[in-house]
N, C-alpha and C. Protein backbone atom coordinates (compact mmCIF):
# COMPACT_ATOMS: atom_id res chain seq x y z
N UNK A 1 0.84 -1.18 0.00
CA UNK A 1 0.00 0.00 0.00
C UNK A 1 0.89 1.25 0.00
N UNK A 2 0.30 2.37 -0.20
CA UNK A 2 1.06 3.62 -0.26
C UNK A 2 1.31 4.16 1.13
N UNK A 3 2.31 4.90 1.39
CA UNK A 3 3.41 5.23 0.48
C UNK A 3 4.45 4.12 0.44
N UNK A 4 4.98 3.86 -0.76
CA UNK A 4 6.04 2.86 -0.97
C UNK A 4 7.32 3.59 -1.35
N UNK A 5 8.13 3.92 -0.38
CA UNK A 5 9.41 4.58 -0.64
C UNK A 5 10.58 3.61 -0.60
N UNK A 6 10.29 2.31 -0.44
CA UNK A 6 11.35 1.32 -0.32
C UNK A 6 11.77 0.73 -1.67
N UNK A 7 11.28 1.29 -2.76
CA UNK A 7 11.64 0.80 -4.08
C UNK A 7 12.99 1.37 -4.49
N UNK A 8 13.93 0.52 -4.92
CA UNK A 8 15.28 1.02 -5.22
C UNK A 8 15.31 2.04 -6.36
N UNK A 9 14.40 1.95 -7.32
CA UNK A 9 14.41 2.90 -8.43
C UNK A 9 13.67 4.21 -8.10
N UNK A 10 13.12 4.32 -6.89
CA UNK A 10 12.41 5.53 -6.48
C UNK A 10 13.08 6.10 -5.24
N UNK A 11 13.91 7.10 -5.44
CA UNK A 11 14.59 7.77 -4.33
C UNK A 11 13.98 9.16 -4.18
N UNK A 12 13.13 9.33 -3.18
CA UNK A 12 12.40 10.59 -3.00
C UNK A 12 13.36 11.76 -2.79
N UNK A 13 14.56 11.50 -2.29
CA UNK A 13 15.54 12.56 -2.08
C UNK A 13 16.07 13.11 -3.41
N UNK A 14 15.91 12.39 -4.49
CA UNK A 14 16.40 12.81 -5.80
C UNK A 14 15.36 13.60 -6.60
N UNK A 15 14.14 13.72 -6.09
CA UNK A 15 13.09 14.45 -6.82
C UNK A 15 13.43 15.93 -6.90
N UNK A 16 13.29 16.47 -8.08
CA UNK A 16 13.46 17.91 -8.28
C UNK A 16 12.15 18.58 -8.62
N UNK A 17 11.20 17.81 -9.14
CA UNK A 17 9.91 18.37 -9.53
C UNK A 17 8.87 17.26 -9.56
N UNK A 18 7.62 17.65 -9.48
CA UNK A 18 6.50 16.73 -9.60
C UNK A 18 5.54 17.34 -10.62
N UNK A 19 5.17 16.56 -11.62
CA UNK A 19 4.23 17.01 -12.64
C UNK A 19 2.88 16.36 -12.37
N UNK A 20 1.85 17.18 -12.22
CA UNK A 20 0.49 16.69 -12.00
C UNK A 20 -0.29 16.95 -13.27
N UNK A 21 -0.84 15.89 -13.84
CA UNK A 21 -1.52 16.03 -15.13
C UNK A 21 -2.84 16.80 -15.00
N UNK A 22 -3.54 16.59 -13.91
CA UNK A 22 -4.76 17.35 -13.64
C UNK A 22 -5.13 17.16 -12.17
N UNK A 23 -6.12 17.87 -11.70
CA UNK A 23 -6.38 17.99 -10.26
C UNK A 23 -7.21 16.88 -9.64
N UNK A 24 -7.44 15.79 -10.32
CA UNK A 24 -8.16 14.68 -9.69
C UNK A 24 -7.31 14.08 -8.58
N UNK A 25 -7.92 13.65 -7.50
CA UNK A 25 -7.17 13.13 -6.37
C UNK A 25 -6.35 11.89 -6.70
N UNK A 26 -6.77 11.11 -7.69
CA UNK A 26 -5.96 9.94 -8.04
C UNK A 26 -4.65 10.33 -8.71
N UNK A 27 -4.49 11.58 -9.10
CA UNK A 27 -3.25 12.07 -9.69
C UNK A 27 -2.49 12.98 -8.73
N UNK A 28 -3.16 13.68 -7.85
CA UNK A 28 -2.49 14.66 -6.99
C UNK A 28 -2.56 14.32 -5.51
N UNK A 29 -3.32 13.35 -5.12
CA UNK A 29 -3.53 13.05 -3.70
C UNK A 29 -2.30 12.57 -2.97
N UNK A 30 -1.32 12.02 -3.68
CA UNK A 30 -0.11 11.49 -3.05
C UNK A 30 0.97 12.55 -2.86
N UNK A 31 0.82 13.70 -3.46
CA UNK A 31 1.84 14.75 -3.42
C UNK A 31 2.23 15.14 -1.98
N UNK A 32 1.31 15.28 -1.03
CA UNK A 32 1.73 15.64 0.33
C UNK A 32 2.69 14.64 0.97
N UNK A 33 2.66 13.39 0.58
CA UNK A 33 3.60 12.40 1.12
C UNK A 33 5.00 12.61 0.60
N UNK A 34 5.15 13.27 -0.54
CA UNK A 34 6.47 13.47 -1.12
C UNK A 34 7.20 14.60 -0.43
């Protein structure tokens, strides 16, 4: 289940930007966890 930060190819410390395609919660609801 979310949040899954234990994936080796996903290093949240390396994020420089987040692109949200539109404002539906299934696309933007996870942003506060980042």
